[in-house]
């Protein structure tokens, strides 16, 4: 982004879920100075729809997939079932849950 035209604020979420330098408030109008969010996240607290849900609560516009699409894509079994139900070819697969005997 052109710094002459836009003021970029970087907000990070640590692996432990701590926000730096500050958290985004879920309150509508609770984030003055933020016009739009460009989430660049991976894994928990990002790809799973959690942050998108927070942004929607806060009334902040954002780019990318929404809550449902992010959550569904994070759960590979759900995503494969959704694709299969819509006629999209899916390779054979199996789900192995944690704690399942081998």
PDB file of N, CA and C in Angstrom:
ATOM      1  N   UNK A   1       0.837  -1.177   0.000  1.00  0.00           N
ATOM      2  CA  UNK A   1       0.000   0.000   0.000  1.00  0.00           C
ATOM      3  C   UNK A   1       0.884   1.244   0.000  1.00  0.00           C
ATOM      4  N   UNK A   2       0.444   2.212  -0.723  1.00  0.00           N
ATOM      5  CA  UNK A   2       1.193   3.459  -0.843  1.00  0.00           C
ATOM      6  C   UNK A   2       1.120   4.236   0.474  1.00  0.00           C
ATOM      7  N   UNK A   3       2.249   4.357   1.209  1.00  0.00           N
ATOM      8  CA  UNK A   3       2.226   5.058   2.500  1.00  0.00           C
ATOM      9  C   UNK A   3       1.905   6.548   2.378  1.00  0.00           C
ATOM     10  N   UNK A   4       2.026   7.100   1.179  1.00  0.00           N
ATOM     11  CA  UNK A   4       1.660   8.500   0.991  1.00  0.00           C
ATOM     12  C   UNK A   4       0.134   8.668   0.982  1.00  0.00           C
ATOM     13  N   UNK A   5      -0.568   7.593   0.688  1.00  0.00           N
ATOM     14  CA  UNK A   5      -2.032   7.648   0.600  1.00  0.00           C
ATOM     15  C   UNK A   5      -2.740   6.961   1.763  1.00  0.00           C
ATOM     16  N   UNK A   6      -2.060   5.994   2.391  1.00  0.00           N
ATOM     17  CA  UNK A   6      -2.714   5.203   3.428  1.00  0.00           C
ATOM     18  C   UNK A   6      -1.835   5.080   4.664  1.00  0.00           C
ATOM     19  N   UNK A   7      -2.450   5.132   5.819  1.00  0.00           N
ATOM     20  CA  UNK A   7      -1.736   4.879   7.072  1.00  0.00           C
ATOM     21  C   UNK A   7      -2.007   3.429   7.453  1.00  0.00           C
ATOM     22  N   UNK A   8      -0.984   2.617   7.421  1.00  0.00           N
ATOM     23  CA  UNK A   8      -1.123   1.190   7.727  1.00  0.00           C
ATOM     24  C   UNK A   8      -0.822   0.972   9.202  1.00  0.00           C
ATOM     25  N   UNK A   9      -1.740   0.297   9.865  1.00  0.00           N
ATOM     26  CA  UNK A   9      -1.536  -0.105  11.265  1.00  0.00           C
ATOM     27  C   UNK A   9      -1.396  -1.617  11.282  1.00  0.00           C
ATOM     28  N   UNK A  10      -0.307  -2.103  11.813  1.00  0.00           N
ATOM     29  CA  UNK A  10      -0.102  -3.547  11.906  1.00  0.00           C
ATOM     30  C   UNK A  10      -0.490  -4.006  13.304  1.00  0.00           C
ATOM     31  N   UNK A  11      -1.390  -4.980  13.353  1.00  0.00           N
ATOM     32  CA  UNK A  11      -1.800  -5.564  14.624  1.00  0.00           C
ATOM     33  C   UNK A  11      -1.516  -7.055  14.527  1.00  0.00           C
ATOM     34  N   UNK A  12      -0.805  -7.580  15.483  1.00  0.00           N
ATOM     35  CA  UNK A  12      -0.392  -8.983  15.477  1.00  0.00           C
ATOM     36  C   UNK A  12      -1.138  -9.772  16.541  1.00  0.00           C
ATOM     37  N   UNK A  13      -1.297 -11.063  16.292  1.00  0.00           N
ATOM     38  CA  UNK A  13      -1.834 -11.995  17.286  1.00  0.00           C
ATOM     39  C   UNK A  13      -0.770 -13.063  17.481  1.00  0.00           C
ATOM     40  N   UNK A  14      -0.293 -13.225  18.710  1.00  0.00           N
ATOM     41  CA  UNK A  14       0.736 -14.224  18.978  1.00  0.00           C
ATOM     42  C   UNK A  14       0.130 -15.624  18.949  1.00  0.00           C
ATOM     43  N   UNK A  15       0.983 -16.635  18.954  1.00  0.00           N
ATOM     44  CA  UNK A  15       0.510 -18.026  18.981  1.00  0.00           C
ATOM     45  C   UNK A  15      -0.320 -18.318  20.223  1.00  0.00           C
ATOM     46  N   UNK A  16      -0.091 -17.530  21.275  1.00  0.00           N
ATOM     47  CA  UNK A  16      -0.845 -17.690  22.523  1.00  0.00           C
ATOM     48  C   UNK A  16      -2.154 -16.893  22.508  1.00  0.00           C
ATOM     49  N   UNK A  17      -2.410 -16.173  21.421  1.00  0.00           N
ATOM     50  CA  UNK A  17      -3.650 -15.410  21.295  1.00  0.00           C
ATOM     51  C   UNK A  17      -3.594 -13.998  21.852  1.00  0.00           C
ATOM     52  N   UNK A  18      -2.394 -13.491  22.119  1.00  0.00           N
ATOM     53  CA  UNK A  18      -2.242 -12.129  22.634  1.00  0.00           C
ATOM     54  C   UNK A  18      -2.131 -11.143  21.454  1.00  0.00           C
ATOM     55  N   UNK A  19      -2.833 -10.026  21.588  1.00  0.00           N
ATOM     56  CA  UNK A  19      -2.841  -9.005  20.551  1.00  0.00           C
ATOM     57  C   UNK A  19      -1.745  -7.986  20.828  1.00  0.00           C
ATOM     58  N   UNK A  20      -1.026  -7.591  19.773  1.00  0.00           N
ATOM     59  CA  UNK A  20       0.037  -6.592  19.909  1.00  0.00           C
ATOM     60  C   UNK A  20      -0.013  -5.625  18.729  1.00  0.00           C
ATOM     61  N   UNK A  21       0.031  -4.336  18.901  1.00  0.00           N
ATOM     62  CA  UNK A  21       0.184  -3.639  20.171  1.00  0.00           C
ATOM     63  C   UNK A  21      -1.127  -3.510  20.950  1.00  0.00           C
ATOM     64  N   UNK A  22      -2.273  -3.765  20.300  1.00  0.00           N
ATOM     65  CA  UNK A  22      -3.557  -3.677  20.996  1.00  0.00           C
ATOM     66  C   UNK A  22      -4.570  -4.579  20.307  1.00  0.00           C
ATOM     67  N   UNK A  23      -5.590  -4.923  21.041  1.00  0.00           N
ATOM     68  CA  UNK A  23      -6.650  -5.765  20.478  1.00  0.00           C
ATOM     69  C   UNK A  23      -7.664  -4.912  19.732  1.00  0.00           C
ATOM     70  N   UNK A  24      -8.365  -5.547  18.816  1.00  0.00           N
ATOM     71  CA  UNK A  24      -9.496  -4.898  18.161  1.00  0.00           C
ATOM     72  C   UNK A  24     -10.694  -5.092  19.084  1.00  0.00           C
ATOM     73  N   UNK A  25     -11.409  -4.022  19.334  1.00  0.00           N
ATOM     74  CA  UNK A  25     -12.577  -4.070  20.207  1.00  0.00           C
ATOM     75  C   UNK A  25     -13.768  -4.634  19.439  1.00  0.00           C
ATOM     76  N   UNK A  26     -14.572  -5.512  20.063  1.00  0.00           N
ATOM     77  CA  UNK A  26     -15.758  -6.030  19.395  1.00  0.00           C
ATOM     78  C   UNK A  26     -16.909  -5.023  19.355  1.00  0.00           C
ATOM     79  N   UNK A  27     -16.747  -3.903  20.029  1.00  0.00           N
ATOM     80  CA  UNK A  27     -17.807  -2.897  20.086  1.00  0.00           C
ATOM     81  C   UNK A  27     -17.912  -2.138  18.769  1.00  0.00           C
ATOM     82  N   UNK A  28     -19.126  -1.976  18.232  1.00  0.00           N
ATOM     83  CA  UNK A  28     -19.273  -1.121  17.057  1.00  0.00           C
ATOM     84  C   UNK A  28     -18.763   0.280  17.383  1.00  0.00           C
ATOM     85  N   UNK A  29     -18.051   0.861  16.477  1.00  0.00           N
ATOM     86  CA  UNK A  29     -17.430   2.189  16.648  1.00  0.00           C
ATOM     87  C   UNK A  29     -16.375   2.204  17.748  1.00  0.00           C
ATOM     88  N   UNK A  30     -15.866   1.036  18.135  1.00  0.00           N
ATOM     89  CA  UNK A  30     -14.860   0.955  19.184  1.00  0.00           C
ATOM     90  C   UNK A  30     -13.436   0.933  18.671  1.00  0.00           C
ATOM     91  N   UNK A  31     -13.269   1.164  17.380  1.00  0.00           N
ATOM     92  CA  UNK A  31     -11.939   1.102  16.766  1.00  0.00           C
ATOM     93  C   UNK A  31     -11.695   2.315  15.873  1.00  0.00           C
ATOM     94  N   UNK A  32     -11.658   3.500  16.477  1.00  0.00           N
ATOM     95  CA  UNK A  32     -11.437   4.689  15.651  1.00  0.00           C
ATOM     96  C   UNK A  32     -10.093   4.598  14.930  1.00  0.00           C
ATOM     97  N   UNK A  33     -10.092   5.074  13.711  1.00  0.00           N
ATOM     98  CA  UNK A  33      -8.853   5.067  12.932  1.00  0.00           C
ATOM     99  C   UNK A  33      -8.697   3.836  12.063  1.00  0.00           C
ATOM    100  N   UNK A  34      -9.591   2.849  12.205  1.00  0.00           N
ATOM    101  CA  UNK A  34      -9.532   1.662  11.342  1.00  0.00           C
ATOM    102  C   UNK A  34     -10.690   1.752  10.359  1.00  0.00           C
ATOM    103  N   UNK A  35     -10.351   1.855   9.079  1.00  0.00           N
ATOM    104  CA  UNK A  35     -11.370   1.967   8.033  1.00  0.00           C
ATOM    105  C   UNK A  35     -11.682   0.627   7.382  1.00  0.00           C
ATOM    106  N   UNK A  36     -10.656  -0.205   7.202  1.00  0.00           N
ATOM    107  CA  UNK A  36     -10.829  -1.518   6.590  1.00  0.00           C
ATOM    108  C   UNK A  36      -9.684  -2.408   7.082  1.00  0.00           C
ATOM    109  N   UNK A  37      -9.984  -3.707   7.202  1.00  0.00           N
ATOM    110  CA  UNK A  37      -8.987  -4.655   7.694  1.00  0.00           C
ATOM    111  C   UNK A  37      -8.617  -5.616   6.574  1.00  0.00           C
ATOM    112  N   UNK A  38      -7.324  -5.852   6.428  1.00  0.00           N
ATOM    113  CA  UNK A  38      -6.793  -6.828   5.478  1.00  0.00           C
ATOM    114  C   UNK A  38      -6.209  -7.981   6.294  1.00  0.00           C
ATOM    115  N   UNK A  39      -7.027  -8.971   6.674  1.00  0.00           N
ATOM    116  CA  UNK A  39      -6.486 -10.059   7.497  1.00  0.00           C
ATOM    117  C   UNK A  39      -5.436 -10.857   6.718  1.00  0.00           C
ATOM    118  N   UNK A  40      -4.279 -11.009   7.285  1.00  0.00           N
ATOM    119  CA  UNK A  40      -3.212 -11.832   6.719  1.00  0.00           C
ATOM    120  C   UNK A  40      -2.814 -12.808   7.819  1.00  0.00           C
ATOM    121  N   UNK A  41      -3.619 -13.850   7.963  1.00  0.00           N
ATOM    122  CA  UNK A  41      -3.496 -14.754   9.098  1.00  0.00           C
ATOM    123  C   UNK A  41      -3.411 -16.193   8.638  1.00  0.00           C
ATOM    124  N   UNK A  42      -2.873 -17.035   9.502  1.00  0.00           N
ATOM    125  CA  UNK A  42      -2.779 -18.460   9.199  1.00  0.00           C
ATOM    126  C   UNK A  42      -3.115 -19.252  10.458  1.00  0.00           C
ATOM    127  N   UNK A  43      -3.938 -20.267  10.318  1.00  0.00           N
ATOM    128  CA  UNK A  43      -4.229 -21.162  11.434  1.00  0.00           C
ATOM    129  C   UNK A  43      -5.224 -20.595  12.423  1.00  0.00           C
ATOM    130  N   UNK A  44      -5.142 -21.109  13.648  1.00  0.00           N
ATOM    131  CA  UNK A  44      -6.041 -20.687  14.718  1.00  0.00           C
ATOM    132  C   UNK A  44      -5.944 -19.181  14.918  1.00  0.00           C
ATOM    133  N   UNK A  45      -7.052 -18.575  15.256  1.00  0.00           N
ATOM    134  CA  UNK A  45      -7.201 -17.125  15.414  1.00  0.00           C
ATOM    135  C   UNK A  45      -7.150 -16.405  14.069  1.00  0.00           C
ATOM    136  N   UNK A  46      -7.262 -17.115  12.976  1.00  0.00           N
ATOM    137  CA  UNK A  46      -7.186 -16.435  11.692  1.00  0.00           C
ATOM    138  C   UNK A  46      -7.987 -17.100  10.617  1.00  0.00           C
ATOM    139  N   UNK A  47      -7.555 -18.264  10.215  1.00  0.00           N
ATOM    140  CA  UNK A  47      -8.223 -18.955   9.115  1.00  0.00           C
ATOM    141  C   UNK A  47      -9.542 -19.590   9.526  1.00  0.00           C
ATOM    142  N   UNK A  48      -9.797 -19.709  10.805  1.00  0.00           N
ATOM    143  CA  UNK A  48     -10.962 -20.459  11.269  1.00  0.00           C
ATOM    144  C   UNK A  48     -12.234 -19.624  11.391  1.00  0.00           C
ATOM    145  N   UNK A  49     -12.210 -18.370  11.006  1.00  0.00           N
ATOM    146  CA  UNK A  49     -13.389 -17.514  11.058  1.00  0.00           C
ATOM    147  C   UNK A  49     -13.507 -16.707  12.336  1.00  0.00           C
ATOM    148  N   UNK A  50     -12.636 -16.964  13.301  1.00  0.00           N
ATOM    149  CA  UNK A  50     -12.706 -16.259  14.586  1.00  0.00           C
ATOM    150  C   UNK A  50     -12.516 -14.757  14.406  1.00  0.00           C
ATOM    151  N   UNK A  51     -11.477 -14.366  13.719  1.00  0.00           N
ATOM    152  CA  UNK A  51     -11.199 -12.935  13.538  1.00  0.00           C
ATOM    153  C   UNK A  51     -12.278 -12.289  12.674  1.00  0.00           C
ATOM    154  N   UNK A  52     -12.746 -13.004  11.660  1.00  0.00           N
ATOM    155  CA  UNK A  52     -13.799 -12.458  10.810  1.00  0.00           C
ATOM    156  C   UNK A  52     -15.068 -12.187  11.635  1.00  0.00           C
ATOM    157  N   UNK A  53     -15.378 -13.092  12.578  1.00  0.00           N
ATOM    158  CA  UNK A  53     -16.527 -12.881  13.451  1.00  0.00           C
ATOM    159  C   UNK A  53     -16.345 -11.648  14.329  1.00  0.00           C
ATOM    160  N   UNK A  54     -15.141 -11.477  14.853  1.00  0.00           N
ATOM    161  CA  UNK A  54     -14.830 -10.294  15.656  1.00  0.00           C
ATOM    162  C   UNK A  54     -15.012  -9.021  14.833  1.00  0.00           C
ATOM    163  N   UNK A  55     -14.502  -9.049  13.609  1.00  0.00           N
ATOM    164  CA  UNK A  55     -14.603  -7.872  12.746  1.00  0.00           C
ATOM    165  C   UNK A  55     -16.054  -7.550  12.423  1.00  0.00           C
ATOM    166  N   UNK A  56     -16.879  -8.579  12.238  1.00  0.00           N
ATOM    167  CA  UNK A  56     -18.295  -8.340  11.975  1.00  0.00           C
ATOM    168  C   UNK A  56     -18.981  -7.750  13.205  1.00  0.00           C
ATOM    169  N   UNK A  57     -18.668  -8.268  14.400  1.00  0.00           N
ATOM    170  CA  UNK A  57     -19.216  -7.693  15.632  1.00  0.00           C
ATOM    171  C   UNK A  57     -18.841  -6.219  15.764  1.00  0.00           C
ATOM    172  N   UNK A  58     -17.588  -5.916  15.408  1.00  0.00           N
ATOM    173  CA  UNK A  58     -17.067  -4.555  15.528  1.00  0.00           C
ATOM    174  C   UNK A  58     -17.586  -3.629  14.433  1.00  0.00           C
ATOM    175  N   UNK A  59     -18.237  -4.199  13.426  1.00  0.00           N
ATOM    176  CA  UNK A  59     -18.722  -3.384  12.312  1.00  0.00           C
ATOM    177  C   UNK A  59     -17.612  -2.891  11.406  1.00  0.00           C
ATOM    178  N   UNK A  60     -16.493  -3.637  11.383  1.00  0.00           N
ATOM    179  CA  UNK A  60     -15.361  -3.245  10.540  1.00  0.00           C
ATOM    180  C   UNK A  60     -15.390  -4.016   9.217  1.00  0.00           C
ATOM    181  N   UNK A  61     -15.334  -3.322   8.104  1.00  0.00           N
ATOM    182  CA  UNK A  61     -15.245  -4.030   6.822  1.00  0.00           C
ATOM    183  C   UNK A  61     -13.886  -4.711   6.696  1.00  0.00           C
ATOM    184  N   UNK A  62     -13.876  -5.850   6.010  1.00  0.00           N
ATOM    185  CA  UNK A  62     -12.620  -6.580   5.809  1.00  0.00           C
ATOM    186  C   UNK A  62     -12.641  -7.258   4.454  1.00  0.00           C
ATOM    187  N   UNK A  63     -11.466  -7.622   3.962  1.00  0.00           N
ATOM    188  CA  UNK A  63     -11.354  -8.303   2.685  1.00  0.00           C
ATOM    189  C   UNK A  63     -11.206  -9.801   2.944  1.00  0.00           C
ATOM    190  N   UNK A  64     -11.551 -10.593   1.940  1.00  0.00           N
ATOM    191  CA  UNK A  64     -11.378 -12.038   2.057  1.00  0.00           C
ATOM    192  C   UNK A  64     -12.664 -12.742   2.443  1.00  0.00           C
ATOM    193  N   UNK A  65     -12.514 -14.025   2.758  1.00  0.00           N
ATOM    194  CA  UNK A  65     -13.649 -14.881   3.084  1.00  0.00           C
ATOM    195  C   UNK A  65     -14.280 -14.477   4.413  1.00  0.00           C
ATOM    196  N   UNK A  66     -15.572 -14.755   4.527  1.00  0.00           N
ATOM    197  CA  UNK A  66     -16.310 -14.452   5.750  1.00  0.00           C
ATOM    198  C   UNK A  66     -16.190 -15.561   6.783  1.00  0.00           C
ATOM    199  N   UNK A  67     -17.019 -15.465   7.816  1.00  0.00           N
ATOM    200  CA  UNK A  67     -16.970 -16.388   8.945  1.00  0.00           C
ATOM    201  C   UNK A  67     -17.249 -17.821   8.500  1.00  0.00           C
ATOM    202  N   UNK A  68     -18.371 -18.058   7.831  1.00  0.00           N
ATOM    203  CA  UNK A  68     -18.756 -19.417   7.460  1.00  0.00           C
ATOM    204  C   UNK A  68     -17.746 -20.057   6.520  1.00  0.00           C
ATOM    205  N   UNK A  69     -17.353 -19.347   5.482  1.00  0.00           N
ATOM    206  CA  UNK A  69     -16.392 -19.906   4.524  1.00  0.00           C
ATOM    207  C   UNK A  69     -15.061 -20.226   5.199  1.00  0.00           C
ATOM    208  N   UNK A  70     -14.609 -19.349   6.081  1.00  0.00           N
ATOM    209  CA  UNK A  70     -13.342 -19.577   6.773  1.00  0.00           C
ATOM    210  C   UNK A  70     -13.429 -20.785   7.698  1.00  0.00           C
ATOM    211  N   UNK A  71     -14.512 -20.872   8.460  1.00  0.00           N
ATOM    212  CA  UNK A  71     -14.681 -21.995   9.391  1.00  0.00           C
ATOM    213  C   UNK A  71     -14.814 -23.313   8.633  1.00  0.00           C
ATOM    214  N   UNK A  72     -15.589 -23.320   7.568  1.00  0.00           N
ATOM    215  CA  UNK A  72     -15.778 -24.551   6.796  1.00  0.00           C
ATOM    216  C   UNK A  72     -14.470 -24.997   6.154  1.00  0.00           C
ATOM    217  N   UNK A  73     -13.714 -24.061   5.608  1.00  0.00           N
ATOM    218  CA  UNK A  73     -12.457 -24.412   4.957  1.00  0.00           C
ATOM    219  C   UNK A  73     -11.425 -24.932   5.946  1.00  0.00           C
ATOM    220  N   UNK A  74     -11.486 -24.483   7.190  1.00  0.00           N
ATOM    221  CA  UNK A  74     -10.534 -24.933   8.212  1.00  0.00           C
ATOM    222  C   UNK A  74     -10.800 -26.375   8.621  1.00  0.00           C
ATOM    223  N   UNK A  75     -12.064 -26.802   8.538  1.00  0.00           N
ATOM    224  CA  UNK A  75     -12.438 -28.178   8.882  1.00  0.00           C
ATOM    225  C   UNK A  75     -12.470 -28.988   7.590  1.00  0.00           C
ATOM    226  N   UNK A  76     -11.403 -29.732   7.338  1.00  0.00           N
ATOM    227  CA  UNK A  76     -11.253 -30.412   6.043  1.00  0.00           C
ATOM    228  C   UNK A  76     -12.367 -31.419   5.776  1.00  0.00           C
ATOM    229  N   UNK A  77     -12.860 -32.111   6.811  1.00  0.00           N
ATOM    230  CA  UNK A  77     -13.961 -33.055   6.622  1.00  0.00           C
ATOM    231  C   UNK A  77     -15.223 -32.328   6.184  1.00  0.00           C
ATOM    232  N   UNK A  78     -15.554 -31.241   6.844  1.00  0.00           N
ATOM    233  CA  UNK A  78     -16.737 -30.459   6.475  1.00  0.00           C
ATOM    234  C   UNK A  78     -16.602 -29.938   5.050  1.00  0.00           C
ATOM    235  N   UNK A  79     -15.422 -29.414   4.706  1.00  0.00           N
ATOM    236  CA  UNK A  79     -15.216 -28.868   3.366  1.00  0.00           C
ATOM    237  C   UNK A  79     -15.383 -29.945   2.295  1.00  0.00           C
ATOM    238  N   UNK A  80     -14.814 -31.127   2.545  1.00  0.00           N
ATOM    239  CA  UNK A  80     -14.944 -32.215   1.570  1.00  0.00           C
ATOM    240  C   UNK A  80     -16.400 -32.646   1.421  1.00  0.00           C
ATOM    241  N   UNK A  81     -17.142 -32.701   2.538  1.00  0.00           N
ATOM    242  CA  UNK A  81     -18.553 -33.075   2.456  1.00  0.00           C
ATOM    243  C   UNK A  81     -19.366 -32.017   1.717  1.00  0.00           C
ATOM    244  N   UNK A  82     -19.088 -30.747   1.958  1.00  0.00           N
ATOM    245  CA  UNK A  82     -19.791 -29.679   1.243  1.00  0.00           C
ATOM    246  C   UNK A  82     -19.526 -29.758  -0.256  1.00  0.00           C
ATOM    247  N   UNK A  83     -18.266 -29.959  -0.618  1.00  0.00           N
ATOM    248  CA  UNK A  83     -17.911 -30.073  -2.043  1.00  0.00           C
ATOM    249  C   UNK A  83     -18.612 -31.268  -2.675  1.00  0.00           C
ATOM    250  N   UNK A  84     -18.542 -32.407  -2.008  1.00  0.00           N
ATOM    251  CA  UNK A  84     -19.148 -33.635  -2.536  1.00  0.00           C
ATOM    252  C   UNK A  84     -20.659 -33.469  -2.728  1.00  0.00           C
ATOM    253  N   UNK A  85     -21.327 -32.838  -1.744  1.00  0.00           N
ATOM    254  CA  UNK A  85     -22.771 -32.611  -1.845  1.00  0.00           C
ATOM    255  C   UNK A  85     -23.137 -31.698  -2.997  1.00  0.00           C
ATOM    256  N   UNK A  86     -22.207 -30.877  -3.433  1.00  0.00           N
ATOM    257  CA  UNK A  86     -22.461 -29.959  -4.544  1.00  0.00           C
ATOM    258  C   UNK A  86     -21.947 -30.508  -5.875  1.00  0.00           C
ATOM    259  N   UNK A  87     -21.518 -31.763  -5.877  1.00  0.00           N
ATOM    260  CA  UNK A  87     -21.092 -32.393  -7.112  1.00  0.00           C
ATOM    261  C   UNK A  87     -19.663 -32.103  -7.519  1.00  0.00           C
ATOM    262  N   UNK A  88     -18.879 -31.548  -6.631  1.00  0.00           N
ATOM    263  CA  UNK A  88     -17.470 -31.283  -6.926  1.00  0.00           C
ATOM    264  C   UNK A  88     -16.689 -32.552  -6.596  1.00  0.00           C
ATOM    265  N   UNK A  89     -15.893 -33.057  -7.518  1.00  0.00           N
ATOM    266  CA  UNK A  89     -15.152 -34.303  -7.249  1.00  0.00           C
ATOM    267  C   UNK A  89     -14.223 -34.161  -6.042  1.00  0.00           C
ATOM    268  N   UNK A  90     -14.262 -35.163  -5.191  1.00  0.00           N
ATOM    269  CA  UNK A  90     -13.428 -35.204  -3.993  1.00  0.00           C
ATOM    270  C   UNK A  90     -12.774 -36.573  -3.943  1.00  0.00           C
ATOM    271  N   UNK A  91     -11.477 -36.622  -3.716  1.00  0.00           N
ATOM    272  CA  UNK A  91     -10.790 -37.908  -3.619  1.00  0.00           C
ATOM    273  C   UNK A  91     -11.255 -38.644  -2.368  1.00  0.00           C
ATOM    274  N   UNK A  92     -11.167 -39.971  -2.407  1.00  0.00           N
ATOM    275  CA  UNK A  92     -11.516 -40.759  -1.233  1.00  0.00           C
ATOM    276  C   UNK A  92     -10.641 -40.317  -0.063  1.00  0.00           C
ATOM    277  N   UNK A  93     -11.256 -40.291   1.102  1.00  0.00           N
ATOM    278  CA  UNK A  93     -10.528 -39.862   2.295  1.00  0.00           C
ATOM    279  C   UNK A  93     -11.160 -40.496   3.521  1.00  0.00           C
ATOM    280  N   UNK A  94     -10.458 -40.421   4.623  1.00  0.00           N
ATOM    281  CA  UNK A  94     -11.010 -40.874   5.893  1.00  0.00           C
ATOM    282  C   UNK A  94     -10.664 -39.854   6.967  1.00  0.00           C
ATOM    283  N   UNK A  95     -11.505 -39.791   7.972  1.00  0.00           N
ATOM    284  CA  UNK A  95     -11.274 -38.884   9.080  1.00  0.00           C
ATOM    285  C   UNK A  95     -10.770 -39.708  10.260  1.00  0.00           C
ATOM    286  N   UNK A  96      -9.673 -39.296  10.806  1.00  0.00           N
ATOM    287  CA  UNK A  96      -9.113 -39.941  11.990  1.00  0.00           C
ATOM    288  C   UNK A  96      -9.127 -38.897  13.100  1.00  0.00           C
ATOM    289  N   UNK A  97      -9.951 -39.131  14.098  1.00  0.00           N
ATOM    290  CA  UNK A  97     -10.061 -38.180  15.204  1.00  0.00           C
ATOM    291  C   UNK A  97      -9.030 -38.491  16.266  1.00  0.00           C
ATOM    292  N   UNK A  98      -8.607 -37.468  16.955  1.00  0.00           N
ATOM    293  CA  UNK A  98      -7.669 -37.626  18.050  1.00  0.00           C
ATOM    294  C   UNK A  98      -8.262 -38.610  19.068  1.00  0.00           C
ATOM    295  N   UNK A  99      -7.459 -39.546  19.532  1.00  0.00           N
ATOM    296  CA  UNK A  99      -7.927 -40.524  20.501  1.00  0.00           C
ATOM    297  C   UNK A  99      -8.555 -41.763  19.877  1.00  0.00           C
ATOM    298  N   UNK A 100      -8.660 -41.796  18.545  1.00  0.00           N
ATOM    299  CA  UNK A 100      -9.209 -42.953  17.859  1.00  0.00           C
ATOM    300  C   UNK A 100      -8.162 -44.057  17.835  1.00  0.00           C
ATOM    301  N   UNK A 101      -8.523 -45.290  18.247  1.00  0.00           N
ATOM    302  CA  UNK A 101      -7.538 -46.379  18.203  1.00  0.00           C
ATOM    303  C   UNK A 101      -7.116 -46.646  16.750  1.00  0.00           C
ATOM    304  N   UNK A 102      -5.876 -47.039  16.587  1.00  0.00           N
ATOM    305  CA  UNK A 102      -5.361 -47.296  15.224  1.00  0.00           C
ATOM    306  C   UNK A 102      -5.758 -48.647  14.718  1.00  0.00           C
TER     307      UNK A 102
END
